[in-house]
């Protein structure tokens, strides 16, 4: 018998939590396969990375576009959730901002295969850009506001302009070994510092 006040989850809640973890693992495996081989990576390779059968993937994601959309949303959510956590755990808001931008750069640089798919005429991909903006713009704004309030960056830094600038600095980064997007983004962030 559980002690009074203990937090034992009912079987249904445990099952849902397990299902969410399994789906997250599957989406992480798909993302890794997409980075390695593009969005056309064979489903059997994704299944092998995730340690599941091919049928499991098709049961959750009947079409390739369903899987691409789910991977994209999963990674946007991870980036969105990281912002407040970094702000709470970092010694300064500017450090939280730089750490979050570093995650954002990872997201952008590893999305080369997704970016091509998202530019296709598949209707499933149309709402993803708005979703990206709706989820990540407020997170970046919160970090910028905190760094501004702490006097660490220049006031009136526009969130959309910053995210757009970071995005532009990341274009093609995966295709040119002589170009270091992360270094250029670091220079951009240093330019925001209050003097």
N, C-alpha and C. Protein backbone atom coordinates (compact mmCIF):
# COMPACT_ATOMS: atom_id res chain seq x y z
N UNK A 1 0.84 -1.18 0.00
CA UNK A 1 0.00 0.00 0.00
C UNK A 1 0.88 1.23 0.00
N UNK A 2 0.56 2.21 -0.84
CA UNK A 2 1.37 3.42 -0.95
C UNK A 2 1.14 4.29 0.26
N UNK A 3 2.20 4.95 0.69
CA UNK A 3 2.09 5.86 1.82
C UNK A 3 1.21 7.04 1.44
N UNK A 4 0.50 7.55 2.46
CA UNK A 4 -0.39 8.68 2.21
C UNK A 4 0.43 9.84 1.67
N UNK A 5 -0.04 10.47 0.63
CA UNK A 5 0.65 11.62 0.03
C UNK A 5 1.66 11.23 -1.04
N UNK A 6 1.93 9.93 -1.20
CA UNK A 6 2.87 9.55 -2.25
C UNK A 6 2.21 9.75 -3.61
N UNK A 7 3.02 9.89 -4.62
CA UNK A 7 2.49 10.21 -5.95
C UNK A 7 2.62 9.02 -6.87
N UNK A 8 1.82 8.03 -6.67
CA UNK A 8 1.81 6.85 -7.54
C UNK A 8 0.82 7.13 -8.66
N UNK A 9 1.31 7.02 -9.89
CA UNK A 9 0.44 7.27 -11.03
C UNK A 9 -0.45 6.08 -11.31
N UNK A 10 -1.72 6.32 -11.64
CA UNK A 10 -2.58 5.23 -12.09
C UNK A 10 -2.01 4.60 -13.36
N UNK A 11 -2.32 3.34 -13.63
CA UNK A 11 -1.78 2.65 -14.81
C UNK A 11 -2.00 3.42 -16.11
N UNK A 12 -3.16 4.04 -16.28
CA UNK A 12 -3.45 4.76 -17.52
C UNK A 12 -2.51 5.95 -17.70
N UNK A 13 -2.22 6.68 -16.62
CA UNK A 13 -1.30 7.82 -16.71
C UNK A 13 0.11 7.35 -17.01
N UNK A 14 0.53 6.23 -16.37
CA UNK A 14 1.87 5.69 -16.66
C UNK A 14 1.97 5.29 -18.11
N UNK A 15 0.90 4.67 -18.62
CA UNK A 15 0.89 4.24 -20.02
C UNK A 15 1.02 5.45 -20.95
N UNK A 16 0.26 6.52 -20.64
CA UNK A 16 0.35 7.72 -21.47
C UNK A 16 1.74 8.34 -21.40
N UNK A 17 2.34 8.36 -20.21
CA UNK A 17 3.70 8.92 -20.06
C UNK A 17 4.69 8.07 -20.85
N UNK A 18 4.56 6.75 -20.77
CA UNK A 18 5.43 5.86 -21.54
C UNK A 18 5.25 6.08 -23.04
N UNK A 19 4.01 6.23 -23.47
CA UNK A 19 3.73 6.46 -24.89
C UNK A 19 4.35 7.78 -25.35
N UNK A 20 4.28 8.81 -24.52
CA UNK A 20 4.89 10.10 -24.88
C UNK A 20 6.41 9.97 -24.99
N UNK A 21 7.01 9.26 -24.04
CA UNK A 21 8.47 9.06 -24.08
C UNK A 21 8.86 8.27 -25.33
N UNK A 22 8.09 7.22 -25.64
CA UNK A 22 8.39 6.40 -26.83
C UNK A 22 8.25 7.23 -28.10
N UNK A 23 7.21 8.06 -28.15
CA UNK A 23 7.03 8.88 -29.34
C UNK A 23 8.15 9.91 -29.46
N UNK A 24 8.57 10.49 -28.33
CA UNK A 24 9.68 11.45 -28.35
C UNK A 24 10.96 10.76 -28.84
N UNK A 25 11.20 9.54 -28.39
CA UNK A 25 12.39 8.79 -28.84
C UNK A 25 12.31 8.52 -30.33
N UNK A 26 11.13 8.17 -30.81
CA UNK A 26 10.94 7.92 -32.24
C UNK A 26 11.20 9.20 -33.04
N UNK A 27 10.69 10.34 -32.56
CA UNK A 27 10.90 11.61 -33.26
C UNK A 27 12.36 12.04 -33.23
N UNK A 28 13.04 11.79 -32.12
CA UNK A 28 14.48 12.10 -32.05
C UNK A 28 15.25 11.23 -33.05
N UNK A 29 14.87 9.96 -33.15
CA UNK A 29 15.54 9.06 -34.10
C UNK A 29 15.27 9.51 -35.54
N UNK A 30 14.05 9.93 -35.82
CA UNK A 30 13.72 10.42 -37.16
C UNK A 30 14.51 11.69 -37.47
N UNK A 31 14.62 12.58 -36.49
CA UNK A 31 15.39 13.82 -36.70
C UNK A 31 16.84 13.49 -37.01
N UNK A 32 17.43 12.56 -36.27
CA UNK A 32 18.82 12.17 -36.52
C UNK A 32 18.97 11.56 -37.92
N UNK A 33 18.01 10.75 -38.33
CA UNK A 33 18.06 10.16 -39.67
C UNK A 33 17.92 11.24 -40.73
N UNK A 34 17.06 12.23 -40.48
CA UNK A 34 16.89 13.32 -41.45
C UNK A 34 18.17 14.13 -41.59
N UNK A 35 18.87 14.35 -40.47
CA UNK A 35 20.13 15.09 -40.53
C UNK A 35 21.16 14.30 -41.34
N UNK A 36 21.21 12.99 -41.09
CA UNK A 36 22.21 12.14 -41.76
C UNK A 36 21.90 11.91 -43.23
N UNK A 37 20.61 11.73 -43.57
CA UNK A 37 20.28 11.30 -44.93
C UNK A 37 19.18 12.13 -45.60
N UNK A 38 18.72 13.17 -44.94
CA UNK A 38 17.64 13.97 -45.52
C UNK A 38 16.28 13.39 -45.17
N UNK A 39 15.23 14.12 -45.53
CA UNK A 39 13.88 13.71 -45.15
C UNK A 39 13.41 12.47 -45.90
N UNK A 40 14.15 12.03 -46.88
CA UNK A 40 13.81 10.81 -47.59
C UNK A 40 14.52 9.59 -47.02
N UNK A 41 15.08 9.73 -45.81
CA UNK A 41 15.73 8.59 -45.16
C UNK A 41 14.75 7.42 -45.10
N UNK A 42 15.22 6.20 -45.38
CA UNK A 42 14.33 5.05 -45.35
C UNK A 42 13.69 4.85 -43.97
N UNK A 43 12.43 4.51 -43.97
CA UNK A 43 11.69 4.29 -42.72
C UNK A 43 12.35 3.18 -41.91
N UNK A 44 12.88 2.18 -42.57
CA UNK A 44 13.52 1.08 -41.84
C UNK A 44 14.74 1.58 -41.06
N UNK A 45 15.46 2.60 -41.61
CA UNK A 45 16.60 3.18 -40.89
C UNK A 45 16.13 3.95 -39.65
N UNK A 46 15.03 4.67 -39.81
CA UNK A 46 14.46 5.42 -38.68
C UNK A 46 14.00 4.44 -37.60
N UNK A 47 13.33 3.37 -38.02
CA UNK A 47 12.85 2.35 -37.08
C UNK A 47 14.03 1.72 -36.33
N UNK A 48 15.10 1.42 -37.05
CA UNK A 48 16.28 0.81 -36.42
C UNK A 48 16.88 1.77 -35.39
N UNK A 49 16.98 3.05 -35.73
CA UNK A 49 17.52 4.04 -34.79
C UNK A 49 16.65 4.13 -33.54
N UNK A 50 15.34 4.04 -33.73
CA UNK A 50 14.40 4.18 -32.62
C UNK A 50 14.22 2.88 -31.84
N UNK A 51 14.67 1.76 -32.41
CA UNK A 51 14.50 0.47 -31.75
C UNK A 51 13.06 -0.02 -31.79
N UNK A 52 12.36 0.33 -32.87
CA UNK A 52 10.97 -0.10 -33.04
C UNK A 52 10.82 -0.74 -34.41
N UNK A 53 9.67 -1.35 -34.62
CA UNK A 53 9.38 -1.92 -35.93
C UNK A 53 8.87 -0.85 -36.89
N UNK A 54 9.00 -1.12 -38.16
CA UNK A 54 8.51 -0.18 -39.19
C UNK A 54 7.02 0.08 -39.02
N UNK A 55 6.28 -0.98 -38.64
CA UNK A 55 4.84 -0.84 -38.45
C UNK A 55 4.49 0.18 -37.37
N UNK A 56 5.32 0.29 -36.35
CA UNK A 56 5.09 1.27 -35.28
C UNK A 56 5.14 2.68 -35.84
N UNK A 57 6.09 2.93 -36.72
CA UNK A 57 6.20 4.27 -37.32
C UNK A 57 4.96 4.56 -38.15
N UNK A 58 4.57 3.61 -38.99
CA UNK A 58 3.39 3.84 -39.84
C UNK A 58 2.10 3.94 -39.04
N UNK A 59 2.05 3.28 -37.90
CA UNK A 59 0.86 3.37 -37.06
C UNK A 59 0.71 4.80 -36.50
N UNK A 60 1.83 5.41 -36.14
CA UNK A 60 1.79 6.77 -35.60
C UNK A 60 1.80 7.84 -36.70
N UNK A 61 2.50 7.55 -37.79
CA UNK A 61 2.70 8.53 -38.86
C UNK A 61 2.45 7.85 -40.20
N UNK A 62 1.19 7.82 -40.65
CA UNK A 62 0.83 7.08 -41.86
C UNK A 62 1.55 7.56 -43.13
N UNK A 63 1.92 8.83 -43.19
CA UNK A 63 2.62 9.34 -44.38
C UNK A 63 3.94 9.98 -43.96
N UNK A 64 4.83 10.11 -44.91
CA UNK A 64 6.12 10.75 -44.65
C UNK A 64 5.91 12.20 -44.20
N UNK A 65 4.96 12.90 -44.81
CA UNK A 65 4.73 14.29 -44.40
C UNK A 65 4.24 14.36 -42.96
N UNK A 66 3.46 13.37 -42.51
CA UNK A 66 3.05 13.33 -41.10
C UNK A 66 4.28 13.25 -40.19
N UNK A 67 5.24 12.43 -40.58
CA UNK A 67 6.46 12.27 -39.78
C UNK A 67 7.30 13.54 -39.80
N UNK A 68 7.46 14.15 -40.97
CA UNK A 68 8.25 15.38 -41.08
C UNK A 68 7.63 16.48 -40.22
N UNK A 69 6.31 16.64 -40.31
CA UNK A 69 5.62 17.66 -39.51
C UNK A 69 5.82 17.38 -38.02
N UNK A 70 5.69 16.14 -37.61
CA UNK A 70 5.84 15.79 -36.20
C UNK A 70 7.26 16.06 -35.70
N UNK A 71 8.26 15.73 -36.51
CA UNK A 71 9.66 15.99 -36.13
C UNK A 71 9.87 17.50 -35.98
N UNK A 72 9.41 18.25 -36.95
CA UNK A 72 9.57 19.70 -36.92
C UNK A 72 8.92 20.28 -35.66
N UNK A 73 7.67 19.90 -35.40
CA UNK A 73 6.96 20.41 -34.22
C UNK A 73 7.65 19.99 -32.92
N UNK A 74 8.12 18.76 -32.87
CA UNK A 74 8.82 18.25 -31.68
C UNK A 74 10.06 19.09 -31.40
N UNK A 75 10.80 19.43 -32.43
CA UNK A 75 12.02 20.18 -32.22
C UNK A 75 11.74 21.66 -31.92
N UNK A 76 10.70 22.21 -32.51
CA UNK A 76 10.31 23.58 -32.16
C UNK A 76 9.90 23.62 -30.68
N UNK A 77 9.14 22.62 -30.24
CA UNK A 77 8.71 22.58 -28.84
C UNK A 77 9.91 22.47 -27.90
N UNK A 78 10.89 21.65 -28.24
CA UNK A 78 12.08 21.52 -27.40
C UNK A 78 12.80 22.85 -27.29
N UNK A 79 12.91 23.57 -28.39
CA UNK A 79 13.56 24.88 -28.39
C UNK A 79 12.75 25.88 -27.57
N UNK A 80 11.43 25.85 -27.70
CA UNK A 80 10.56 26.76 -26.96
C UNK A 80 10.64 26.49 -25.46
N UNK A 81 10.64 25.23 -25.08
CA UNK A 81 10.69 24.88 -23.66
C UNK A 81 12.04 25.19 -23.03
N UNK A 82 13.09 25.22 -23.83
CA UNK A 82 14.43 25.48 -23.30
C UNK A 82 14.60 26.93 -22.83
N UNK A 83 13.91 27.87 -23.46
CA UNK A 83 14.09 29.28 -23.12
C UNK A 83 13.86 29.60 -21.67
N UNK A 84 12.66 29.34 -21.13
CA UNK A 84 12.41 29.64 -19.72
C UNK A 84 13.33 28.86 -18.78
N UNK A 85 13.65 27.62 -19.12
CA UNK A 85 14.55 26.83 -18.28
C UNK A 85 15.94 27.45 -18.24
N UNK A 86 16.44 27.90 -19.39
CA UNK A 86 17.76 28.53 -19.43
C UNK A 86 17.75 29.84 -18.65
N UNK A 87 16.67 30.59 -18.76
CA UNK A 87 16.57 31.86 -18.03
C UNK A 87 16.60 31.61 -16.52
N UNK A 88 15.95 30.56 -16.08
CA UNK A 88 15.92 30.23 -14.65
C UNK A 88 17.26 29.70 -14.15
N UNK A 89 18.00 28.99 -15.01
CA UNK A 89 19.22 28.30 -14.57
C UNK A 89 20.53 29.02 -14.88
N UNK A 90 20.50 30.05 -15.70
CA UNK A 90 21.74 30.72 -16.11
C UNK A 90 22.07 31.86 -15.15
N UNK A 91 23.36 32.13 -14.96
CA UNK A 91 23.76 33.19 -14.03
C UNK A 91 23.30 34.59 -14.47
N UNK A 92 23.18 34.79 -15.78
CA UNK A 92 22.74 36.09 -16.28
C UNK A 92 21.75 35.89 -17.42
N UNK A 93 20.86 36.87 -17.64
CA UNK A 93 19.95 36.76 -18.79
C UNK A 93 20.68 36.72 -20.13
N UNK A 94 21.80 37.46 -20.25
CA UNK A 94 22.54 37.44 -21.52
C UNK A 94 23.09 36.04 -21.79
N UNK A 95 23.59 35.39 -20.76
CA UNK A 95 24.09 34.02 -20.93
C UNK A 95 22.95 33.09 -21.32
N UNK A 96 21.78 33.27 -20.71
CA UNK A 96 20.61 32.46 -21.09
C UNK A 96 20.26 32.71 -22.56
N UNK A 97 20.29 33.98 -22.98
CA UNK A 97 20.00 34.32 -24.38
C UNK A 97 21.01 33.65 -25.31
N UNK A 98 22.30 33.74 -25.00
CA UNK A 98 23.31 33.15 -25.89
C UNK A 98 23.18 31.62 -25.94
N UNK A 99 22.86 31.02 -24.81
CA UNK A 99 22.68 29.55 -24.81
C UNK A 99 21.45 29.16 -25.64
N UNK A 100 20.39 29.96 -25.52
CA UNK A 100 19.19 29.65 -26.29
C UNK A 100 19.44 29.86 -27.79
N UNK A 101 20.11 30.94 -28.13
CA UNK A 101 20.43 31.18 -29.55
C UNK A 101 21.30 30.04 -30.08
N UNK A 102 22.18 29.50 -29.25
CA UNK A 102 23.00 28.36 -29.65
C UNK A 102 22.12 27.16 -30.00
N UNK A 103 21.09 26.91 -29.19
CA UNK A 103 20.13 25.83 -29.49
C UNK A 103 19.36 26.14 -30.78
N UNK A 104 18.99 27.40 -30.93
CA UNK A 104 18.27 27.84 -32.13
C UNK A 104 19.14 27.63 -33.38
N UNK A 105 20.43 27.92 -33.27
CA UNK A 105 21.35 27.69 -34.39
C UNK A 105 21.41 26.20 -34.71
N UNK A 106 21.51 25.36 -33.68
CA UNK A 106 21.50 23.90 -33.92
C UNK A 106 20.25 23.50 -34.69
N UNK A 107 19.11 24.02 -34.25
CA UNK A 107 17.83 23.73 -34.90
C UNK A 107 17.89 24.14 -36.37
N UNK A 108 18.36 25.35 -36.64
CA UNK A 108 18.37 25.86 -38.01
C UNK A 108 19.37 25.13 -38.90
N UNK A 109 20.57 24.89 -38.40
CA UNK A 109 21.62 24.28 -39.22
C UNK A 109 21.29 22.83 -39.57
N UNK A 110 20.63 22.13 -38.65
CA UNK A 110 20.33 20.73 -38.91
C UNK A 110 19.03 20.54 -39.67
N UNK A 111 18.39 21.60 -40.06
CA UNK A 111 17.11 21.50 -40.74
C UNK A 111 17.24 21.61 -42.26
N UNK A 112 18.43 21.42 -42.80
CA UNK A 112 18.58 21.62 -44.25
C UNK A 112 17.65 20.71 -45.05
N UNK A 113 17.53 19.45 -44.66
CA UNK A 113 16.61 18.56 -45.37
C UNK A 113 15.16 18.94 -45.14
N UNK A 114 14.85 19.33 -43.92
CA UNK A 114 13.48 19.76 -43.62
C UNK A 114 13.14 21.02 -44.39
N UNK A 115 14.09 21.93 -44.49
CA UNK A 115 13.82 23.19 -45.18
C UNK A 115 13.40 22.94 -46.62
N UNK A 116 14.08 22.01 -47.29
CA UNK A 116 13.70 21.69 -48.67
C UNK A 116 12.29 21.11 -48.73
N UNK A 117 11.97 20.22 -47.79
CA UNK A 117 10.62 19.64 -47.76
C UNK A 117 9.58 20.71 -47.48
N UNK A 118 9.90 21.62 -46.58
CA UNK A 118 8.94 22.65 -46.20
C UNK A 118 8.65 23.62 -47.34
N UNK A 119 9.58 23.74 -48.27
CA UNK A 119 9.36 24.62 -49.42
C UNK A 119 8.58 23.92 -50.54
N UNK A 120 8.28 22.64 -50.33
CA UNK A 120 7.53 21.91 -51.36
C UNK A 120 6.08 22.38 -51.38
N UNK A 121 5.32 21.84 -52.29
CA UNK A 121 3.92 22.27 -52.40
C UNK A 121 2.98 21.39 -51.56
N UNK A 122 3.52 20.62 -50.64
CA UNK A 122 2.71 19.77 -49.78
C UNK A 122 1.94 20.65 -48.78
N UNK A 123 0.63 20.57 -48.81
CA UNK A 123 -0.23 21.41 -47.96
C UNK A 123 0.00 21.15 -46.47
N UNK A 124 0.48 19.97 -46.10
CA UNK A 124 0.71 19.66 -44.69
C UNK A 124 1.77 20.57 -44.08
N UNK A 125 2.66 21.13 -44.92
CA UNK A 125 3.77 21.93 -44.41
C UNK A 125 3.43 23.42 -44.31
N UNK A 126 2.32 23.84 -44.93
CA UNK A 126 1.99 25.27 -44.98
C UNK A 126 1.92 25.95 -43.61
N UNK A 127 1.28 25.36 -42.61
CA UNK A 127 1.15 26.07 -41.33
C UNK A 127 2.41 26.06 -40.45
N UNK A 128 3.46 25.36 -40.87
CA UNK A 128 4.61 25.18 -39.99
C UNK A 128 5.40 26.46 -39.75
N UNK A 129 5.51 27.33 -40.74
CA UNK A 129 6.27 28.56 -40.52
C UNK A 129 5.58 29.42 -39.47
N UNK A 130 4.26 29.55 -39.57
CA UNK A 130 3.51 30.33 -38.58
C UNK A 130 3.64 29.70 -37.19
N UNK A 131 3.63 28.38 -37.13
CA UNK A 131 3.80 27.68 -35.86
C UNK A 131 5.16 27.99 -35.27
N UNK A 132 6.19 27.95 -36.09
CA UNK A 132 7.57 28.26 -35.69
C UNK A 132 7.63 29.67 -35.09
N UNK A 133 7.07 30.65 -35.79
CA UNK A 133 7.09 32.03 -35.32
C UNK A 133 6.27 32.17 -34.04
N UNK A 134 5.07 31.59 -34.01
CA UNK A 134 4.19 31.71 -32.85
C UNK A 134 4.81 31.12 -31.59
N UNK A 135 5.57 30.04 -31.72
CA UNK A 135 6.16 29.39 -30.55
C UNK A 135 7.50 29.99 -30.14
N UNK A 136 8.34 30.36 -31.11
CA UNK A 136 9.70 30.76 -30.76
C UNK A 136 9.88 32.26 -30.57
N UNK A 137 9.10 33.07 -31.26
CA UNK A 137 9.24 34.52 -31.11
C UNK A 137 9.00 34.97 -29.66
N UNK A 138 7.95 34.50 -28.99
CA UNK A 138 7.75 34.93 -27.60
C UNK A 138 8.86 34.47 -26.65
N UNK A 139 9.44 33.31 -26.92
CA UNK A 139 10.54 32.82 -26.08
C UNK A 139 11.75 33.71 -26.24
N UNK A 140 12.10 34.02 -27.47
CA UNK A 140 13.24 34.90 -27.72
C UNK A 140 12.96 36.29 -27.13
N UNK A 141 11.73 36.78 -27.25
CA UNK A 141 11.37 38.09 -26.69
C UNK A 141 11.54 38.10 -25.18
N UNK A 142 11.15 37.02 -24.51
CA UNK A 142 11.30 36.93 -23.06
C UNK A 142 12.78 37.02 -22.67
N UNK A 143 13.63 36.33 -23.41
CA UNK A 143 15.07 36.36 -23.13
C UNK A 143 15.65 37.74 -23.41
N UNK A 144 15.25 38.34 -24.52
CA UNK A 144 15.73 39.69 -24.83
C UNK A 144 15.27 40.70 -23.79
N UNK A 145 14.02 40.62 -23.38
CA UNK A 145 13.49 41.54 -22.37
C UNK A 145 14.26 41.41 -21.06
N UNK A 146 14.57 40.19 -20.66
CA UNK A 146 15.31 39.97 -19.41
C UNK A 146 16.72 40.54 -19.51
N UNK A 147 17.38 40.33 -20.66
CA UNK A 147 18.74 40.85 -20.85
C UNK A 147 18.73 42.38 -20.92
N UNK A 148 17.70 42.95 -21.53
CA UNK A 148 17.57 44.41 -21.59
C UNK A 148 17.33 44.97 -20.19
N UNK A 149 16.42 44.36 -19.44
CA UNK A 149 16.12 44.82 -18.08
C UNK A 149 17.35 44.74 -17.17
N UNK A 150 18.23 43.78 -17.43
CA UNK A 150 19.46 43.64 -16.64
C UNK A 150 20.55 44.60 -17.12
N UNK A 151 20.27 45.35 -18.18
CA UNK A 151 21.25 46.29 -18.71
C UNK A 151 22.38 45.63 -19.47
N UNK A 152 22.16 44.39 -19.91
CA UNK A 152 23.22 43.64 -20.58
C UNK A 152 23.26 43.85 -22.09
N UNK A 153 22.13 44.22 -22.69
CA UNK A 153 22.10 44.45 -24.14
C UNK A 153 21.46 45.80 -24.42
N UNK A 154 21.69 46.28 -25.62
CA UNK A 154 21.12 47.56 -26.01
C UNK A 154 19.60 47.46 -26.04
N UNK A 155 18.92 48.53 -25.61
CA UNK A 155 17.46 48.48 -25.64
C UNK A 155 16.94 48.51 -27.08
N UNK A 156 15.68 48.18 -27.22
CA UNK A 156 14.98 48.23 -28.51
C UNK A 156 15.50 47.23 -29.53
N UNK A 157 16.07 46.12 -29.06
CA UNK A 157 16.46 45.05 -29.99
C UNK A 157 15.18 44.35 -30.41
N UNK A 158 14.91 44.33 -31.69
CA UNK A 158 13.68 43.73 -32.21
C UNK A 158 13.84 42.21 -32.29
N UNK A 159 12.93 41.50 -31.68
CA UNK A 159 12.99 40.04 -31.62
C UNK A 159 12.97 39.40 -33.01
N UNK A 160 12.03 39.82 -33.83
CA UNK A 160 11.92 39.22 -35.16
C UNK A 160 13.19 39.49 -35.97
N UNK A 161 13.70 40.71 -35.90
CA UNK A 161 14.93 41.03 -36.65
C UNK A 161 16.10 40.17 -36.18
N UNK A 162 16.21 39.97 -34.87
CA UNK A 162 17.30 39.14 -34.36
C UNK A 162 17.16 37.70 -34.86
N UNK A 163 15.97 37.14 -34.74
CA UNK A 163 15.78 35.76 -35.20
C UNK A 163 16.01 35.63 -36.70
N UNK A 164 15.57 36.62 -37.44
CA UNK A 164 15.78 36.61 -38.89
C UNK A 164 17.26 36.70 -39.23
N UNK A 165 17.99 37.58 -38.49
CA UNK A 165 19.43 37.72 -38.72
C UNK A 165 20.15 36.42 -38.42
N UNK A 166 19.80 35.78 -37.31
CA UNK A 166 20.42 34.49 -36.97
C UNK A 166 20.11 33.47 -38.06
N UNK A 167 18.86 33.44 -38.50
CA UNK A 167 18.48 32.52 -39.57
C UNK A 167 19.27 32.75 -40.84
N UNK A 168 19.43 34.01 -41.20
CA UNK A 168 20.19 34.33 -42.41
C UNK A 168 21.65 33.93 -42.28
N UNK A 169 22.22 34.08 -41.09
CA UNK A 169 23.61 33.68 -40.88
C UNK A 169 23.79 32.16 -40.96
N UNK A 170 22.71 31.42 -40.76
CA UNK A 170 22.78 29.95 -40.78
C UNK A 170 22.53 29.34 -42.15
N UNK A 171 22.06 30.13 -43.09
CA UNK A 171 21.75 29.60 -44.42
C UNK A 171 23.01 29.00 -45.06
N UNK A 172 22.90 27.77 -45.49
CA UNK A 172 23.99 27.11 -46.20
C UNK A 172 25.16 26.70 -45.33
N UNK A 173 25.05 26.86 -44.01
CA UNK A 173 26.18 26.56 -43.12
C UNK A 173 26.62 25.11 -43.21
N UNK A 174 25.69 24.20 -43.45
CA UNK A 174 26.04 22.79 -43.51
C UNK A 174 26.74 22.38 -44.79
N UNK A 175 26.77 23.29 -45.78
CA UNK A 175 27.35 22.94 -47.08
C UNK A 175 28.73 23.56 -47.33
N UNK A 176 29.19 24.42 -46.42
CA UNK A 176 30.46 25.11 -46.64
C UNK A 176 31.35 24.94 -45.42
N UNK A 177 32.36 24.07 -45.51
CA UNK A 177 33.21 23.81 -44.36
C UNK A 177 34.04 25.03 -43.93
N UNK A 178 34.16 26.03 -44.81
CA UNK A 178 34.93 27.23 -44.45
C UNK A 178 34.09 28.26 -43.71
N UNK A 179 32.80 28.02 -43.61
CA UNK A 179 31.91 28.99 -42.97
C UNK A 179 31.44 28.48 -41.61
N UNK A 180 31.63 29.27 -40.57
CA UNK A 180 31.24 28.90 -39.22
C UNK A 180 30.09 29.80 -38.78
N UNK A 181 28.88 29.31 -38.97
CA UNK A 181 27.69 30.09 -38.63
C UNK A 181 27.66 30.44 -37.15
N UNK A 182 28.07 29.51 -36.32
CA UNK A 182 28.03 29.75 -34.88
C UNK A 182 28.94 30.92 -34.49
N UNK A 183 30.11 31.02 -35.11
CA UNK A 183 31.02 32.13 -34.82
C UNK A 183 30.40 33.45 -35.26
N UNK A 184 29.78 33.47 -36.43
CA UNK A 184 29.15 34.69 -36.92
C UNK A 184 27.98 35.11 -36.04
N UNK A 185 27.21 34.14 -35.57
CA UNK A 185 26.10 34.45 -34.67
C UNK A 185 26.65 35.00 -33.35
N UNK A 186 27.76 34.44 -32.89
CA UNK A 186 28.40 34.95 -31.67
C UNK A 186 28.80 36.40 -31.81
N UNK A 187 29.33 36.76 -32.99
CA UNK A 187 29.70 38.16 -33.24
C UNK A 187 28.46 39.05 -33.24
N UNK A 188 27.38 38.55 -33.83
CA UNK A 188 26.12 39.29 -33.83
C UNK A 188 25.65 39.56 -32.39
N UNK A 189 25.68 38.53 -31.55
CA UNK A 189 25.24 38.70 -30.16
C UNK A 189 26.14 39.64 -29.40
N UNK A 190 27.45 39.58 -29.65
CA UNK A 190 28.37 40.51 -28.98
C UNK A 190 28.05 41.96 -29.36
N UNK A 191 27.57 42.14 -30.59
CA UNK A 191 27.18 43.48 -31.03
C UNK A 191 25.95 44.02 -30.30
N UNK A 192 25.18 43.16 -29.66
CA UNK A 192 24.01 43.59 -28.91
C UNK A 192 24.36 44.08 -27.51
N UNK A 193 25.55 43.76 -27.05
CA UNK A 193 25.93 44.08 -25.66
C UNK A 193 25.89 45.58 -25.41
N UNK A 194 25.37 45.96 -24.26
CA UNK A 194 25.37 47.36 -23.84
C UNK A 194 26.81 47.74 -23.47
N UNK A 195 27.23 48.90 -23.90
CA UNK A 195 28.61 49.33 -23.63
C UNK A 195 28.63 50.34 -22.52
